[in-house]
Protein backbone atom coordinates (compact mmCIF):
# COMPACT_ATOMS: atom_id res chain seq x y z
CA UNK A 1 0.00 0.00 0.00
CA UNK A 2 2.91 2.36 0.77
CA UNK A 3 4.28 1.80 -2.73
CA UNK A 4 0.90 2.76 -4.21
CA UNK A 5 0.90 6.07 -2.30
CA UNK A 6 4.39 6.86 -3.61
CA UNK A 7 3.31 6.04 -7.15
CA UNK A 8 0.19 8.19 -6.93
CA UNK A 9 2.15 11.09 -5.42
CA UNK A 10 4.81 10.79 -8.12
CA UNK A 11 2.12 10.73 -10.83
CA UNK A 12 0.43 13.79 -9.33
CA UNK A 13 3.73 15.68 -9.16
CA UNK A 14 4.52 14.88 -12.79
CA UNK A 15 1.00 15.83 -13.83
CA UNK A 16 1.27 19.23 -12.14
CA UNK A 17 4.67 19.84 -13.75
CA UNK A 18 3.23 18.93 -17.14
CA UNK A 19 0.26 21.27 -16.67
CA UNK A 20 2.55 24.12 -15.63
CA UNK A 21 4.72 23.56 -18.72
CA UNK A 22 1.80 23.29 -21.15
CA UNK A 23 -0.39 26.06 -19.71
CA UNK A 24 1.28 28.82 -21.76
CA UNK A 25 0.68 26.85 -24.96
CA UNK A 26 -2.97 26.25 -24.03
CA UNK A 27 -3.41 29.95 -23.30
CA UNK A 28 -1.91 30.87 -26.68
CA UNK A 29 -4.20 28.41 -28.46
CA UNK A 30 -7.21 29.90 -26.67
CA UNK A 31 -6.18 33.44 -27.67
CA UNK A 32 -5.67 32.41 -31.31
CA UNK A 33 -9.07 30.69 -31.38
CA UNK A 34 -10.74 33.78 -29.93
CA UNK A 35 -9.06 35.94 -32.61
CA UNK A 36 -10.25 33.54 -35.30
CA UNK A 37 -13.81 33.78 -33.91
CA UNK A 38 -13.67 37.59 -34.00
CA UNK A 39 -13.09 38.35 -30.31
CA UNK A 40 -10.78 41.35 -30.03
CA UNK A 41 -8.19 41.34 -27.23
CA UNK A 42 -8.40 44.05 -24.58
CA UNK A 43 -5.31 45.81 -25.94
CA UNK A 44 -7.03 46.32 -29.31
CA UNK A 45 -10.19 47.62 -27.66
CA UNK A 46 -8.40 50.72 -26.35
CA UNK A 47 -9.09 54.04 -28.06
CA UNK A 48 -5.48 54.60 -29.17
CA UNK A 49 -5.29 51.14 -30.70
CA UNK A 50 -8.52 51.66 -32.63
CA UNK A 51 -7.26 55.01 -33.96
CA UNK A 52 -3.96 53.49 -35.09
CA UNK A 53 -5.70 50.53 -36.75
CA UNK A 54 -8.12 52.85 -38.55
CA UNK A 55 -5.23 55.08 -39.66
CA UNK A 56 -3.40 52.07 -41.09
CA UNK A 57 -6.52 50.92 -42.95
CA UNK A 58 -7.07 54.44 -44.29
CA UNK A 59 -3.46 54.61 -45.52
CA UNK A 60 -3.85 51.31 -47.35
CA UNK A 61 -7.09 52.37 -49.00
PDB file of N, CA and C in Angstrom:
ATOM      1  N   UNK A   1       0.824  -1.199   0.000  1.00  0.00           N
ATOM      2  CA  UNK A   1       0.000   0.000   0.000  1.00  0.00           C
ATOM      3  C   UNK A   1       0.867   1.262   0.000  1.00  0.00           C
ATOM      4  N   UNK A   2       1.995   1.208   0.713  1.00  0.00           N
ATOM      5  CA  UNK A   2       2.906   2.358   0.769  1.00  0.00           C
ATOM      6  C   UNK A   2       3.466   2.670  -0.622  1.00  0.00           C
ATOM      7  N   UNK A   3       3.751   1.617  -1.378  1.00  0.00           N
ATOM      8  CA  UNK A   3       4.281   1.798  -2.730  1.00  0.00           C
ATOM      9  C   UNK A   3       3.242   2.482  -3.627  1.00  0.00           C
ATOM     10  N   UNK A   4       1.971   2.147  -3.425  1.00  0.00           N
ATOM     11  CA  UNK A   4       0.899   2.760  -4.208  1.00  0.00           C
ATOM     12  C   UNK A   4       0.812   4.258  -3.925  1.00  0.00           C
ATOM     13  N   UNK A   5       0.940   4.650  -2.657  1.00  0.00           N
ATOM     14  CA  UNK A   5       0.898   6.069  -2.304  1.00  0.00           C
ATOM     15  C   UNK A   5       2.055   6.824  -2.952  1.00  0.00           C
ATOM     16  N   UNK A   6       3.233   6.220  -2.975  1.00  0.00           N
ATOM     17  CA  UNK A   6       4.391   6.859  -3.610  1.00  0.00           C
ATOM     18  C   UNK A   6       4.152   7.020  -5.112  1.00  0.00           C
ATOM     19  N   UNK A   7       3.575   5.989  -5.714  1.00  0.00           N
ATOM     20  CA  UNK A   7       3.312   6.035  -7.152  1.00  0.00           C
ATOM     21  C   UNK A   7       2.282   7.109  -7.486  1.00  0.00           C
ATOM     22  N   UNK A   8       1.227   7.186  -6.693  1.00  0.00           N
ATOM     23  CA  UNK A   8       0.188   8.191  -6.933  1.00  0.00           C
ATOM     24  C   UNK A   8       0.749   9.595  -6.727  1.00  0.00           C
ATOM     25  N   UNK A   9       1.546   9.780  -5.677  1.00  0.00           N
ATOM     26  CA  UNK A   9       2.150  11.094  -5.424  1.00  0.00           C
ATOM     27  C   UNK A   9       3.098  11.474  -6.554  1.00  0.00           C
ATOM     28  N   UNK A  10       3.891  10.524  -7.013  1.00  0.00           N
ATOM     29  CA  UNK A  10       4.810  10.790  -8.120  1.00  0.00           C
ATOM     30  C   UNK A  10       4.034  11.157  -9.385  1.00  0.00           C
ATOM     31  N   UNK A  11       2.949  10.425  -9.664  1.00  0.00           N
ATOM     32  CA  UNK A  11       2.116  10.730 -10.829  1.00  0.00           C
ATOM     33  C   UNK A  11       1.528  12.134 -10.719  1.00  0.00           C
ATOM     34  N   UNK A  12       1.023  12.470  -9.533  1.00  0.00           N
ATOM     35  CA  UNK A  12       0.429  13.792  -9.333  1.00  0.00           C
ATOM     36  C   UNK A  12       1.463  14.895  -9.510  1.00  0.00           C
ATOM     37  N   UNK A  13       2.672  14.682  -9.001  1.00  0.00           N
ATOM     38  CA  UNK A  13       3.730  15.680  -9.161  1.00  0.00           C
ATOM     39  C   UNK A  13       4.091  15.877 -10.631  1.00  0.00           C
ATOM     40  N   UNK A  14       4.206  14.770 -11.366  1.00  0.00           N
ATOM     41  CA  UNK A  14       4.524  14.880 -12.794  1.00  0.00           C
ATOM     42  C   UNK A  14       3.379  15.530 -13.574  1.00  0.00           C
ATOM     43  N   UNK A  15       2.158  15.232 -13.169  1.00  0.00           N
ATOM     44  CA  UNK A  15       0.997  15.828 -13.835  1.00  0.00           C
ATOM     45  C   UNK A  15       0.972  17.339 -13.626  1.00  0.00           C
ATOM     46  N   UNK A  16       1.243  17.788 -12.411  1.00  0.00           N
ATOM     47  CA  UNK A  16       1.274  19.225 -12.135  1.00  0.00           C
ATOM     48  C   UNK A  16       2.399  19.911 -12.903  1.00  0.00           C
ATOM     49  N   UNK A  17       3.562  19.270 -12.987  1.00  0.00           N
ATOM     50  CA  UNK A  17       4.674  19.842 -13.751  1.00  0.00           C
ATOM     51  C   UNK A  17       4.311  19.935 -15.231  1.00  0.00           C
ATOM     52  N   UNK A  18       3.640  18.922 -15.738  1.00  0.00           N
ATOM     53  CA  UNK A  18       3.228  18.927 -17.138  1.00  0.00           C
ATOM     54  C   UNK A  18       2.214  20.032 -17.412  1.00  0.00           C
ATOM     55  N   UNK A  19       1.260  20.204 -16.498  1.00  0.00           N
ATOM     56  CA  UNK A  19       0.264  21.265 -16.674  1.00  0.00           C
ATOM     57  C   UNK A  19       0.910  22.641 -16.623  1.00  0.00           C
ATOM     58  N   UNK A  20       1.858  22.834 -15.713  1.00  0.00           N
ATOM     59  CA  UNK A  20       2.555  24.119 -15.634  1.00  0.00           C
ATOM     60  C   UNK A  20       3.316  24.406 -16.924  1.00  0.00           C
ATOM     61  N   UNK A  21       3.944  23.382 -17.489  1.00  0.00           N
ATOM     62  CA  UNK A  21       4.716  23.561 -18.718  1.00  0.00           C
ATOM     63  C   UNK A  21       3.803  23.857 -19.913  1.00  0.00           C
ATOM     64  N   UNK A  22       2.681  23.175 -19.987  1.00  0.00           N
ATOM     65  CA  UNK A  22       1.800  23.294 -21.154  1.00  0.00           C
ATOM     66  C   UNK A  22       0.817  24.447 -21.065  1.00  0.00           C
ATOM     67  N   UNK A  23       0.641  25.034 -19.893  1.00  0.00           N
ATOM     68  CA  UNK A  23      -0.386  26.059 -19.711  1.00  0.00           C
ATOM     69  C   UNK A  23      -0.194  27.239 -20.655  1.00  0.00           C
ATOM     70  N   UNK A  24       1.054  27.684 -20.870  1.00  0.00           N
ATOM     71  CA  UNK A  24       1.278  28.824 -21.763  1.00  0.00           C
ATOM     72  C   UNK A  24       0.879  28.491 -23.199  1.00  0.00           C
ATOM     73  N   UNK A  25       1.073  27.244 -23.607  1.00  0.00           N
ATOM     74  CA  UNK A  25       0.680  26.845 -24.957  1.00  0.00           C
ATOM     75  C   UNK A  25      -0.841  26.767 -25.082  1.00  0.00           C
ATOM     76  N   UNK A  26      -1.502  26.278 -24.032  1.00  0.00           N
ATOM     77  CA  UNK A  26      -2.966  26.246 -24.030  1.00  0.00           C
ATOM     78  C   UNK A  26      -3.530  27.655 -24.080  1.00  0.00           C
ATOM     79  N   UNK A  27      -2.939  28.569 -23.302  1.00  0.00           N
ATOM     80  CA  UNK A  27      -3.412  29.954 -23.296  1.00  0.00           C
ATOM     81  C   UNK A  27      -3.253  30.596 -24.673  1.00  0.00           C
ATOM     82  N   UNK A  28      -2.127  30.333 -25.333  1.00  0.00           N
ATOM     83  CA  UNK A  28      -1.907  30.869 -26.677  1.00  0.00           C
ATOM     84  C   UNK A  28      -2.936  30.309 -27.658  1.00  0.00           C
ATOM     85  N   UNK A  29      -3.212  29.020 -27.570  1.00  0.00           N
ATOM     86  CA  UNK A  29      -4.201  28.414 -28.463  1.00  0.00           C
ATOM     87  C   UNK A  29      -5.582  29.018 -28.230  1.00  0.00           C
ATOM     88  N   UNK A  30      -5.920  29.279 -26.979  1.00  0.00           N
ATOM     89  CA  UNK A  30      -7.214  29.897 -26.672  1.00  0.00           C
ATOM     90  C   UNK A  30      -7.279  31.302 -27.253  1.00  0.00           C
ATOM     91  N   UNK A  31      -6.191  32.080 -27.108  1.00  0.00           N
ATOM     92  CA  UNK A  31      -6.175  33.437 -27.666  1.00  0.00           C
ATOM     93  C   UNK A  31      -6.301  33.418 -29.181  1.00  0.00           C
ATOM     94  N   UNK A  32      -5.601  32.503 -29.845  1.00  0.00           N
ATOM     95  CA  UNK A  32      -5.673  32.412 -31.305  1.00  0.00           C
ATOM     96  C   UNK A  32      -7.079  32.013 -31.757  1.00  0.00           C
ATOM     97  N   UNK A  33      -7.702  31.099 -31.030  1.00  0.00           N
ATOM     98  CA  UNK A  33      -9.066  30.694 -31.382  1.00  0.00           C
ATOM     99  C   UNK A  33     -10.032  31.858 -31.214  1.00  0.00           C
ATOM    100  N   UNK A  34      -9.866  32.623 -30.143  1.00  0.00           N
ATOM    101  CA  UNK A  34     -10.740  33.778 -29.933  1.00  0.00           C
ATOM    102  C   UNK A  34     -10.547  34.805 -31.046  1.00  0.00           C
ATOM    103  N   UNK A  35      -9.298  35.024 -31.490  1.00  0.00           N
ATOM    104  CA  UNK A  35      -9.058  35.936 -32.611  1.00  0.00           C
ATOM    105  C   UNK A  35      -9.746  35.432 -33.872  1.00  0.00           C
ATOM    106  N   UNK A  36      -9.640  34.134 -34.114  1.00  0.00           N
ATOM    107  CA  UNK A  36     -10.252  33.538 -35.297  1.00  0.00           C
ATOM    108  C   UNK A  36     -11.765  33.694 -35.260  1.00  0.00           C
ATOM    109  N   UNK A  37     -12.362  33.638 -34.062  1.00  0.00           N
ATOM    110  CA  UNK A  37     -13.806  33.779 -33.913  1.00  0.00           C
ATOM    111  C   UNK A  37     -14.257  35.236 -33.897  1.00  0.00           C
ATOM    112  N   UNK A  38     -13.313  36.187 -33.922  1.00  0.00           N
ATOM    113  CA  UNK A  38     -13.669  37.593 -33.995  1.00  0.00           C
ATOM    114  C   UNK A  38     -13.638  38.332 -32.678  1.00  0.00           C
ATOM    115  N   UNK A  39     -13.177  37.693 -31.616  1.00  0.00           N
ATOM    116  CA  UNK A  39     -13.090  38.348 -30.312  1.00  0.00           C
ATOM    117  C   UNK A  39     -11.810  39.172 -30.263  1.00  0.00           C
ATOM    118  N   UNK A  40     -11.948  40.469 -30.061  1.00  0.00           N
ATOM    119  CA  UNK A  40     -10.782  41.347 -30.026  1.00  0.00           C
ATOM    120  C   UNK A  40     -10.163  41.361 -28.632  1.00  0.00           C
ATOM    121  N   UNK A  41      -8.850  41.268 -28.537  1.00  0.00           N
ATOM    122  CA  UNK A  41      -8.189  41.344 -27.234  1.00  0.00           C
ATOM    123  C   UNK A  41      -8.380  42.722 -26.607  1.00  0.00           C
ATOM    124  N   UNK A  42      -8.195  42.790 -25.298  1.00  0.00           N
ATOM    125  CA  UNK A  42      -8.395  44.049 -24.581  1.00  0.00           C
ATOM    126  C   UNK A  42      -7.480  45.155 -25.109  1.00  0.00           C
ATOM    127  N   UNK A  43      -6.259  44.798 -25.468  1.00  0.00           N
ATOM    128  CA  UNK A  43      -5.311  45.806 -25.942  1.00  0.00           C
ATOM    129  C   UNK A  43      -5.802  46.476 -27.222  1.00  0.00           C
ATOM    130  N   UNK A  44      -6.517  45.744 -28.062  1.00  0.00           N
ATOM    131  CA  UNK A  44      -7.027  46.320 -29.307  1.00  0.00           C
ATOM    132  C   UNK A  44      -8.344  47.051 -29.117  1.00  0.00           C
ATOM    133  N   UNK A  45      -8.947  46.916 -27.942  1.00  0.00           N
ATOM    134  CA  UNK A  45     -10.192  47.619 -27.661  1.00  0.00           C
ATOM    135  C   UNK A  45      -9.947  49.030 -27.132  1.00  0.00           C
ATOM    136  N   UNK A  46      -8.714  49.387 -26.862  1.00  0.00           N
ATOM    137  CA  UNK A  46      -8.401  50.719 -26.354  1.00  0.00           C
ATOM    138  C   UNK A  46      -8.557  51.753 -27.463  1.00  0.00           C
ATOM    139  N   UNK A  47      -8.838  52.973 -27.094  1.00  0.00           N
ATOM    140  CA  UNK A  47      -9.090  54.038 -28.062  1.00  0.00           C
ATOM    141  C   UNK A  47      -7.885  54.279 -28.960  1.00  0.00           C
ATOM    142  N   UNK A  48      -6.680  54.344 -28.372  1.00  0.00           N
ATOM    143  CA  UNK A  48      -5.484  54.604 -29.166  1.00  0.00           C
ATOM    144  C   UNK A  48      -5.269  53.499 -30.193  1.00  0.00           C
ATOM    145  N   UNK A  49      -5.470  52.258 -29.779  1.00  0.00           N
ATOM    146  CA  UNK A  49      -5.289  51.139 -30.702  1.00  0.00           C
ATOM    147  C   UNK A  49      -6.276  51.215 -31.853  1.00  0.00           C
ATOM    148  N   UNK A  50      -7.516  51.564 -31.560  1.00  0.00           N
ATOM    149  CA  UNK A  50      -8.515  51.664 -32.625  1.00  0.00           C
ATOM    150  C   UNK A  50      -8.165  52.778 -33.603  1.00  0.00           C
ATOM    151  N   UNK A  51      -7.658  53.901 -33.086  1.00  0.00           N
ATOM    152  CA  UNK A  51      -7.260  55.012 -33.959  1.00  0.00           C
ATOM    153  C   UNK A  51      -6.116  54.584 -34.863  1.00  0.00           C
ATOM    154  N   UNK A  52      -5.115  53.904 -34.295  1.00  0.00           N
ATOM    155  CA  UNK A  52      -3.959  53.485 -35.087  1.00  0.00           C
ATOM    156  C   UNK A  52      -4.357  52.444 -36.133  1.00  0.00           C
ATOM    157  N   UNK A  53      -5.245  51.532 -35.780  1.00  0.00           N
ATOM    158  CA  UNK A  53      -5.701  50.535 -36.750  1.00  0.00           C
ATOM    159  C   UNK A  53      -6.485  51.205 -37.868  1.00  0.00           C
ATOM    160  N   UNK A  54      -7.356  52.142 -37.529  1.00  0.00           N
ATOM    161  CA  UNK A  54      -8.124  52.848 -38.554  1.00  0.00           C
ATOM    162  C   UNK A  54      -7.212  53.688 -39.443  1.00  0.00           C
ATOM    163  N   UNK A  55      -6.171  54.294 -38.865  1.00  0.00           N
ATOM    164  CA  UNK A  55      -5.226  55.082 -39.664  1.00  0.00           C
ATOM    165  C   UNK A  55      -4.482  54.185 -40.644  1.00  0.00           C
ATOM    166  N   UNK A  56      -4.101  53.007 -40.195  1.00  0.00           N
ATOM    167  CA  UNK A  56      -3.402  52.070 -41.089  1.00  0.00           C
ATOM    168  C   UNK A  56      -4.321  51.611 -42.213  1.00  0.00           C
ATOM    169  N   UNK A  57      -5.569  51.324 -41.901  1.00  0.00           N
ATOM    170  CA  UNK A  57      -6.519  50.923 -42.945  1.00  0.00           C
ATOM    171  C   UNK A  57      -6.771  52.070 -43.921  1.00  0.00           C
ATOM    172  N   UNK A  58      -6.848  53.289 -43.411  1.00  0.00           N
ATOM    173  CA  UNK A  58      -7.066  54.442 -44.286  1.00  0.00           C
ATOM    174  C   UNK A  58      -5.868  54.655 -45.206  1.00  0.00           C
ATOM    175  N   UNK A  59      -4.666  54.436 -44.697  1.00  0.00           N
ATOM    176  CA  UNK A  59      -3.465  54.609 -45.521  1.00  0.00           C
ATOM    177  C   UNK A  59      -3.414  53.575 -46.633  1.00  0.00           C
ATOM    178  N   UNK A  60      -3.860  52.368 -46.341  1.00  0.00           N
ATOM    179  CA  UNK A  60      -3.847  51.311 -47.355  1.00  0.00           C
ATOM    180  C   UNK A  60      -4.889  51.585 -48.431  1.00  0.00           C
ATOM    181  N   UNK A  61      -6.035  52.116 -48.023  1.00  0.00           N
ATOM    182  CA  UNK A  61      -7.094  52.367 -48.997  1.00  0.00           C
ATOM    183  C   UNK A  61      -6.749  53.586 -49.808  1.00  0.00           C
TER     184      UNK A  61
END
